[in-house]
Amino acid sequence: MESQSYGTFRAIDTFLRRLFSTFAHGWPGAGLLLLRMVIAFALVYQVTVTLPTGHSPQSAVIAVLTAIVAILLLVGVWTPITGTLTAPIELRNIFASADNPWMCVLLGALGISIAMIGPGAWSVDARRYGWKRIDPQDR
């Protein structure tokens, strides 16, 4: 059983490494961090506004899923997957008669954009899946 879970982890590792040849450093990396923060805080705000209104259990599950996606985006874990997940969540919010459908469109587009661009150097993805430098020791 462990070999299968390790194989799944290796598949995710290979998938994420192939998506990005580099993780942006410097000002571009800071910009991507800022973009991830804005998306995450907007998603958390959206959850805090919609969750207390007492909707169906399905809405509560979507709110919890949205909060999980926001946290993962904030720290930069599996950014292509979590960024892409924002689009169907926000599409569902539009059809569930959201108060501000244009905010949902904006968050969905930003989520897809961060999924395509990548998380940047200041993320867990960069630490786990980024290119490593190996210095061979002198013999």
N, C-alpha and C. Protein backbone atom coordinates (compact mmCIF):
# COMPACT_ATOMS: atom_id res chain seq x y z
N MET A 1 0.82 -1.19 0.00
CA MET A 1 0.00 0.00 0.00
C MET A 1 0.87 1.26 0.00
N GLU A 2 2.00 1.22 0.69
CA GLU A 2 2.86 2.39 0.75
C GLU A 2 3.46 2.71 -0.61
N SER A 3 3.75 1.69 -1.40
CA SER A 3 4.36 1.95 -2.70
C SER A 3 3.39 2.68 -3.61
N GLN A 4 2.08 2.40 -3.47
CA GLN A 4 1.10 3.10 -4.29
C GLN A 4 0.99 4.56 -3.89
N SER A 5 0.98 4.85 -2.61
CA SER A 5 0.90 6.24 -2.18
C SER A 5 2.17 6.99 -2.57
N TYR A 6 3.32 6.32 -2.49
CA TYR A 6 4.56 6.95 -2.92
C TYR A 6 4.53 7.21 -4.41
N GLY A 7 3.94 6.27 -5.17
CA GLY A 7 3.81 6.47 -6.62
C GLY A 7 2.92 7.65 -6.95
N THR A 8 1.85 7.82 -6.18
CA THR A 8 0.97 8.97 -6.39
C THR A 8 1.70 10.26 -6.08
N PHE A 9 2.47 10.27 -4.98
CA PHE A 9 3.23 11.46 -4.64
C PHE A 9 4.26 11.76 -5.72
N ARG A 10 4.92 10.73 -6.25
CA ARG A 10 5.90 10.92 -7.31
C ARG A 10 5.23 11.48 -8.57
N ALA A 11 4.01 11.05 -8.85
CA ALA A 11 3.29 11.56 -10.02
C ALA A 11 2.99 13.04 -9.85
N ILE A 12 2.58 13.45 -8.65
CA ILE A 12 2.33 14.87 -8.40
C ILE A 12 3.63 15.66 -8.49
N ASP A 13 4.71 15.10 -7.92
CA ASP A 13 6.03 15.74 -7.98
C ASP A 13 6.45 15.96 -9.44
N THR A 14 6.32 14.95 -10.26
CA THR A 14 6.70 15.06 -11.68
C THR A 14 5.79 16.04 -12.39
N PHE A 15 4.49 15.98 -12.09
CA PHE A 15 3.53 16.88 -12.72
C PHE A 15 3.87 18.35 -12.42
N LEU A 16 4.12 18.66 -11.14
CA LEU A 16 4.41 20.04 -10.77
C LEU A 16 5.77 20.49 -11.30
N ARG A 17 6.76 19.62 -11.32
CA ARG A 17 8.07 20.00 -11.83
C ARG A 17 8.01 20.30 -13.33
N ARG A 18 7.21 19.55 -14.05
CA ARG A 18 7.10 19.77 -15.50
C ARG A 18 6.31 21.03 -15.83
N LEU A 19 5.46 21.47 -14.93
CA LEU A 19 4.68 22.67 -15.20
C LEU A 19 5.55 23.92 -15.24
N PHE A 20 6.54 24.00 -14.37
CA PHE A 20 7.32 25.21 -14.24
C PHE A 20 8.80 24.88 -14.40
N SER A 21 9.44 25.55 -15.36
CA SER A 21 10.87 25.33 -15.50
C SER A 21 11.64 26.07 -14.41
N THR A 22 11.14 27.19 -13.97
CA THR A 22 11.73 27.93 -12.86
C THR A 22 10.62 28.53 -12.01
N PHE A 23 10.98 28.92 -10.82
CA PHE A 23 10.05 29.62 -9.93
C PHE A 23 10.58 31.05 -9.81
N ALA A 24 9.75 32.02 -10.14
CA ALA A 24 10.17 33.41 -10.22
C ALA A 24 10.72 33.91 -8.88
N HIS A 25 11.90 34.54 -8.95
CA HIS A 25 12.55 35.15 -7.78
C HIS A 25 12.44 36.67 -7.90
N GLY A 26 12.87 37.37 -6.88
CA GLY A 26 12.92 38.83 -6.92
C GLY A 26 11.55 39.47 -6.98
N TRP A 27 11.45 40.57 -7.73
CA TRP A 27 10.19 41.30 -7.83
C TRP A 27 9.07 40.47 -8.45
N PRO A 28 9.33 39.69 -9.52
CA PRO A 28 8.24 38.84 -10.03
C PRO A 28 7.74 37.83 -8.99
N GLY A 29 8.65 37.27 -8.20
CA GLY A 29 8.24 36.35 -7.15
C GLY A 29 7.42 37.04 -6.08
N ALA A 30 7.81 38.27 -5.74
CA ALA A 30 7.04 39.05 -4.76
C ALA A 30 5.66 39.39 -5.32
N GLY A 31 5.59 39.68 -6.61
CA GLY A 31 4.30 39.94 -7.24
C GLY A 31 3.39 38.73 -7.21
N LEU A 32 3.96 37.55 -7.45
CA LEU A 32 3.16 36.33 -7.39
C LEU A 32 2.71 36.03 -5.97
N LEU A 33 3.56 36.30 -4.99
CA LEU A 33 3.16 36.15 -3.59
C LEU A 33 2.00 37.09 -3.26
N LEU A 34 2.11 38.33 -3.71
CA LEU A 34 1.03 39.30 -3.49
C LEU A 34 -0.26 38.85 -4.16
N LEU A 35 -0.16 38.33 -5.38
CA LEU A 35 -1.33 37.85 -6.10
C LEU A 35 -1.98 36.67 -5.36
N ARG A 36 -1.16 35.75 -4.87
CA ARG A 36 -1.70 34.62 -4.11
C ARG A 36 -2.37 35.10 -2.83
N MET A 37 -1.77 36.10 -2.16
CA MET A 37 -2.36 36.64 -0.94
C MET A 37 -3.71 37.30 -1.21
N VAL A 38 -3.79 38.09 -2.28
CA VAL A 38 -5.04 38.78 -2.61
C VAL A 38 -6.14 37.77 -2.92
N ILE A 39 -5.81 36.74 -3.70
CA ILE A 39 -6.81 35.72 -4.03
C ILE A 39 -7.26 35.00 -2.76
N ALA A 40 -6.31 34.61 -1.92
CA ALA A 40 -6.65 33.88 -0.70
C ALA A 40 -7.50 34.71 0.25
N PHE A 41 -7.12 35.97 0.46
CA PHE A 41 -7.90 36.81 1.37
C PHE A 41 -9.29 37.10 0.81
N ALA A 42 -9.41 37.27 -0.50
CA ALA A 42 -10.72 37.50 -1.11
C ALA A 42 -11.60 36.26 -0.98
N LEU A 43 -11.01 35.07 -1.13
CA LEU A 43 -11.78 33.84 -0.96
C LEU A 43 -12.23 33.67 0.49
N VAL A 44 -11.34 33.96 1.43
CA VAL A 44 -11.72 33.86 2.85
C VAL A 44 -12.81 34.88 3.18
N TYR A 45 -12.71 36.09 2.64
CA TYR A 45 -13.75 37.09 2.85
C TYR A 45 -15.08 36.59 2.30
N GLN A 46 -15.02 35.99 1.11
CA GLN A 46 -16.23 35.46 0.50
C GLN A 46 -16.85 34.37 1.37
N VAL A 47 -16.03 33.53 1.96
CA VAL A 47 -16.53 32.47 2.84
C VAL A 47 -17.15 33.06 4.10
N THR A 48 -16.50 34.05 4.70
CA THR A 48 -17.03 34.62 5.94
C THR A 48 -18.32 35.39 5.72
N VAL A 49 -18.53 35.89 4.51
CA VAL A 49 -19.77 36.60 4.21
C VAL A 49 -20.89 35.61 3.92
N THR A 50 -20.60 34.51 3.22
CA THR A 50 -21.66 33.59 2.81
C THR A 50 -21.96 32.51 3.83
N LEU A 51 -21.00 32.09 4.64
CA LEU A 51 -21.23 30.99 5.57
C LEU A 51 -22.22 31.32 6.68
N PRO A 52 -22.16 32.49 7.31
CA PRO A 52 -23.09 32.76 8.41
C PRO A 52 -24.55 32.94 7.98
N THR A 53 -24.83 33.04 6.67
CA THR A 53 -26.20 33.30 6.25
C THR A 53 -27.10 32.08 6.36
N GLY A 54 -26.54 30.90 6.64
CA GLY A 54 -27.35 29.72 6.91
C GLY A 54 -28.00 29.12 5.68
N HIS A 55 -27.21 28.76 4.71
CA HIS A 55 -27.73 28.13 3.50
C HIS A 55 -27.77 26.62 3.66
N SER A 56 -27.90 25.93 2.56
CA SER A 56 -28.00 24.47 2.55
C SER A 56 -26.68 23.82 2.97
N PRO A 57 -26.71 22.53 3.29
CA PRO A 57 -25.46 21.82 3.61
C PRO A 57 -24.48 21.83 2.43
N GLN A 58 -25.01 21.82 1.21
CA GLN A 58 -24.14 21.89 0.04
C GLN A 58 -23.35 23.20 0.03
N SER A 59 -23.98 24.29 0.39
CA SER A 59 -23.29 25.58 0.46
C SER A 59 -22.23 25.58 1.55
N ALA A 60 -22.51 24.90 2.65
CA ALA A 60 -21.51 24.82 3.72
C ALA A 60 -20.30 24.02 3.27
N VAL A 61 -20.52 22.94 2.52
CA VAL A 61 -19.40 22.14 2.01
C VAL A 61 -18.58 22.98 1.03
N ILE A 62 -19.24 23.72 0.16
CA ILE A 62 -18.53 24.59 -0.79
C ILE A 62 -17.75 25.66 -0.05
N ALA A 63 -18.32 26.20 1.03
CA ALA A 63 -17.62 27.22 1.80
C ALA A 63 -16.36 26.65 2.46
N VAL A 64 -16.46 25.44 3.00
CA VAL A 64 -15.30 24.80 3.62
C VAL A 64 -14.25 24.50 2.55
N LEU A 65 -14.67 24.00 1.39
CA LEU A 65 -13.74 23.73 0.29
C LEU A 65 -13.06 25.02 -0.16
N THR A 66 -13.81 26.09 -0.23
CA THR A 66 -13.24 27.38 -0.61
C THR A 66 -12.20 27.84 0.41
N ALA A 67 -12.48 27.66 1.69
CA ALA A 67 -11.51 28.04 2.73
C ALA A 67 -10.24 27.20 2.63
N ILE A 68 -10.38 25.91 2.35
CA ILE A 68 -9.20 25.05 2.19
C ILE A 68 -8.38 25.48 0.99
N VAL A 69 -9.04 25.76 -0.13
CA VAL A 69 -8.34 26.24 -1.33
C VAL A 69 -7.63 27.55 -1.03
N ALA A 70 -8.27 28.44 -0.29
CA ALA A 70 -7.65 29.73 0.04
C ALA A 70 -6.39 29.53 0.87
N ILE A 71 -6.43 28.65 1.85
CA ILE A 71 -5.26 28.41 2.69
C ILE A 71 -4.12 27.80 1.86
N LEU A 72 -4.46 26.82 1.00
CA LEU A 72 -3.43 26.21 0.17
C LEU A 72 -2.82 27.22 -0.80
N LEU A 73 -3.65 28.11 -1.36
CA LEU A 73 -3.11 29.15 -2.24
C LEU A 73 -2.22 30.12 -1.47
N LEU A 74 -2.61 30.45 -0.26
CA LEU A 74 -1.84 31.40 0.52
C LEU A 74 -0.42 30.90 0.78
N VAL A 75 -0.29 29.64 1.14
CA VAL A 75 1.05 29.11 1.41
C VAL A 75 1.73 28.58 0.15
N GLY A 76 0.99 28.45 -0.93
CA GLY A 76 1.58 28.03 -2.19
C GLY A 76 1.78 26.53 -2.29
N VAL A 77 0.78 25.76 -1.90
CA VAL A 77 0.84 24.30 -1.99
C VAL A 77 -0.04 23.85 -3.15
N TRP A 78 0.54 23.06 -4.05
CA TRP A 78 -0.17 22.55 -5.23
C TRP A 78 -0.90 23.67 -5.95
N THR A 79 -0.22 24.75 -6.21
CA THR A 79 -0.81 25.96 -6.78
C THR A 79 -1.55 25.72 -8.09
N PRO A 80 -1.02 24.93 -9.03
CA PRO A 80 -1.80 24.72 -10.26
C PRO A 80 -3.14 24.04 -10.01
N ILE A 81 -3.18 23.14 -9.06
CA ILE A 81 -4.42 22.43 -8.77
C ILE A 81 -5.38 23.33 -8.01
N THR A 82 -4.89 23.98 -6.96
CA THR A 82 -5.77 24.83 -6.14
C THR A 82 -6.21 26.07 -6.91
N GLY A 83 -5.33 26.62 -7.75
CA GLY A 83 -5.74 27.76 -8.57
C GLY A 83 -6.82 27.40 -9.55
N THR A 84 -6.70 26.22 -10.14
CA THR A 84 -7.71 25.76 -11.08
C THR A 84 -9.02 25.45 -10.38
N LEU A 85 -8.97 24.99 -9.14
CA LEU A 85 -10.20 24.69 -8.40
C LEU A 85 -11.03 25.94 -8.10
N THR A 86 -10.41 27.10 -8.12
CA THR A 86 -11.19 28.32 -7.85
C THR A 86 -12.22 28.59 -8.94
N ALA A 87 -11.92 28.19 -10.18
CA ALA A 87 -12.85 28.48 -11.29
C ALA A 87 -14.20 27.76 -11.13
N PRO A 88 -14.24 26.44 -10.91
CA PRO A 88 -15.56 25.82 -10.73
C PRO A 88 -16.26 26.26 -9.45
N ILE A 89 -15.48 26.57 -8.42
CA ILE A 89 -16.11 27.06 -7.19
C ILE A 89 -16.80 28.39 -7.45
N GLU A 90 -16.10 29.29 -8.14
CA GLU A 90 -16.68 30.60 -8.41
C GLU A 90 -17.81 30.51 -9.44
N LEU A 91 -17.70 29.58 -10.38
CA LEU A 91 -18.78 29.37 -11.35
C LEU A 91 -20.04 28.90 -10.63
N ARG A 92 -19.86 28.03 -9.65
CA ARG A 92 -20.99 27.58 -8.85
C ARG A 92 -21.58 28.75 -8.06
N ASN A 93 -20.71 29.62 -7.55
CA ASN A 93 -21.21 30.78 -6.80
C ASN A 93 -22.01 31.73 -7.69
N ILE A 94 -21.60 31.85 -8.95
CA ILE A 94 -22.36 32.71 -9.87
C ILE A 94 -23.77 32.15 -10.07
N PHE A 95 -23.86 30.84 -10.31
CA PHE A 95 -25.17 30.23 -10.55
C PHE A 95 -25.99 30.08 -9.28
N ALA A 96 -25.36 30.19 -8.13
CA ALA A 96 -26.09 30.14 -6.86
C ALA A 96 -26.54 31.53 -6.44
N SER A 97 -26.68 32.41 -7.42
CA SER A 97 -27.12 33.80 -7.24
C SER A 97 -26.27 34.55 -6.22
N ALA A 98 -25.00 34.70 -6.56
CA ALA A 98 -24.08 35.45 -5.71
C ALA A 98 -24.47 36.92 -5.69
N ASP A 99 -24.15 37.59 -4.60
CA ASP A 99 -24.46 39.01 -4.49
C ASP A 99 -23.70 39.83 -5.52
N ASN A 100 -22.47 39.46 -5.77
CA ASN A 100 -21.64 40.18 -6.72
C ASN A 100 -21.03 39.18 -7.71
N PRO A 101 -21.71 38.90 -8.82
CA PRO A 101 -21.19 37.90 -9.75
C PRO A 101 -19.88 38.31 -10.41
N TRP A 102 -19.64 39.60 -10.54
CA TRP A 102 -18.39 40.04 -11.17
C TRP A 102 -17.18 39.76 -10.28
N MET A 103 -17.37 39.76 -8.98
CA MET A 103 -16.29 39.38 -8.07
C MET A 103 -15.97 37.90 -8.26
N CYS A 104 -16.99 37.08 -8.47
CA CYS A 104 -16.77 35.65 -8.72
C CYS A 104 -16.02 35.44 -10.03
N VAL A 105 -16.38 36.20 -11.06
CA VAL A 105 -15.67 36.10 -12.35
C VAL A 105 -14.22 36.51 -12.17
N LEU A 106 -13.98 37.58 -11.43
CA LEU A 106 -12.61 38.04 -11.20
C LEU A 106 -11.79 37.01 -10.42
N LEU A 107 -12.36 36.45 -9.36
CA LEU A 107 -11.63 35.46 -8.56
C LEU A 107 -11.36 34.19 -9.36
N GLY A 108 -12.31 33.77 -10.17
CA GLY A 108 -12.10 32.60 -11.01
C GLY A 108 -11.00 32.83 -12.02
N ALA A 109 -10.99 34.02 -12.65
CA ALA A 109 -9.94 34.34 -13.62
C ALA A 109 -8.57 34.47 -12.95
N LEU A 110 -8.53 35.07 -11.77
CA LEU A 110 -7.26 35.17 -11.05
C LEU A 110 -6.74 33.80 -10.63
N GLY A 111 -7.63 32.92 -10.22
CA GLY A 111 -7.23 31.58 -9.84
C GLY A 111 -6.63 30.82 -11.01
N ILE A 112 -7.26 30.90 -12.17
CA ILE A 112 -6.72 30.24 -13.36
C ILE A 112 -5.40 30.88 -13.77
N SER A 113 -5.30 32.20 -13.64
CA SER A 113 -4.05 32.88 -13.99
C SER A 113 -2.90 32.44 -13.10
N ILE A 114 -3.12 32.35 -11.80
CA ILE A 114 -2.04 31.93 -10.90
C ILE A 114 -1.70 30.47 -11.14
N ALA A 115 -2.67 29.67 -11.57
CA ALA A 115 -2.39 28.27 -11.91
C ALA A 115 -1.49 28.18 -13.14
N MET A 116 -1.69 29.08 -14.10
CA MET A 116 -0.88 29.05 -15.32
C MET A 116 0.50 29.67 -15.12
N ILE A 117 0.58 30.73 -14.31
CA ILE A 117 1.85 31.43 -14.11
C ILE A 117 2.75 30.67 -13.15
N GLY A 118 2.18 30.15 -12.08
CA GLY A 118 2.97 29.44 -11.08
C GLY A 118 2.99 30.20 -9.78
N PRO A 119 3.47 29.55 -8.73
CA PRO A 119 3.40 30.13 -7.39
C PRO A 119 4.51 31.12 -7.06
N GLY A 120 5.61 31.08 -7.75
CA GLY A 120 6.74 31.95 -7.42
C GLY A 120 7.69 31.27 -6.43
N ALA A 121 8.80 31.93 -6.17
CA ALA A 121 9.85 31.34 -5.33
C ALA A 121 9.45 31.27 -3.86
N TRP A 122 8.58 32.15 -3.42
CA TRP A 122 8.18 32.16 -2.01
C TRP A 122 6.92 31.33 -1.84
N SER A 123 7.07 30.02 -1.99
CA SER A 123 5.95 29.10 -1.85
C SER A 123 6.47 27.73 -1.43
N VAL A 124 5.57 26.94 -0.93
CA VAL A 124 5.93 25.57 -0.56
C VAL A 124 6.25 24.77 -1.82
N ASP A 125 5.52 25.05 -2.92
CA ASP A 125 5.80 24.36 -4.18
C ASP A 125 7.25 24.56 -4.62
N ALA A 126 7.75 25.77 -4.50
CA ALA A 126 9.14 26.04 -4.91
C ALA A 126 10.12 25.30 -4.02
N ARG A 127 9.82 25.20 -2.74
CA ARG A 127 10.71 24.50 -1.82
C ARG A 127 10.70 22.99 -2.07
N ARG A 128 9.53 22.45 -2.33
CA ARG A 128 9.41 21.00 -2.49
C ARG A 128 9.75 20.52 -3.90
N TYR A 129 9.30 21.28 -4.92
CA TYR A 129 9.40 20.78 -6.29
C TYR A 129 10.35 21.58 -7.16
N GLY A 130 10.93 22.63 -6.63
CA GLY A 130 11.83 23.46 -7.43
C GLY A 130 13.15 22.76 -7.70
N TRP A 131 13.91 23.35 -8.58
CA TRP A 131 15.20 22.78 -8.94
C TRP A 131 16.15 22.91 -7.76
N LYS A 132 16.89 21.88 -7.53
CA LYS A 132 17.84 21.85 -6.42
C LYS A 132 19.25 21.99 -6.96
N ARG A 133 20.09 22.59 -6.17
CA ARG A 133 21.49 22.73 -6.55
C ARG A 133 22.30 21.72 -5.75
N ILE A 134 23.04 20.92 -6.45
CA ILE A 134 23.84 19.89 -5.81
C ILE A 134 25.31 20.23 -6.03
N ASP A 135 26.03 20.42 -4.94
CA ASP A 135 27.46 20.71 -5.01
C ASP A 135 28.22 19.45 -4.62
N PRO A 136 28.90 18.83 -5.57
CA PRO A 136 29.68 17.65 -5.22
C PRO A 136 30.90 18.06 -4.37
N GLN A 137 31.18 17.28 -3.39
CA GLN A 137 32.30 17.59 -2.51
C GLN A 137 33.59 17.12 -3.16
N ASP A 138 34.65 17.86 -2.87
CA ASP A 138 35.97 17.48 -3.40
C ASP A 138 36.45 16.21 -2.72
N ARG A 139 37.12 15.38 -3.49
CA ARG A 139 37.64 14.13 -2.91
C ARG A 139 39.09 14.23 -2.63
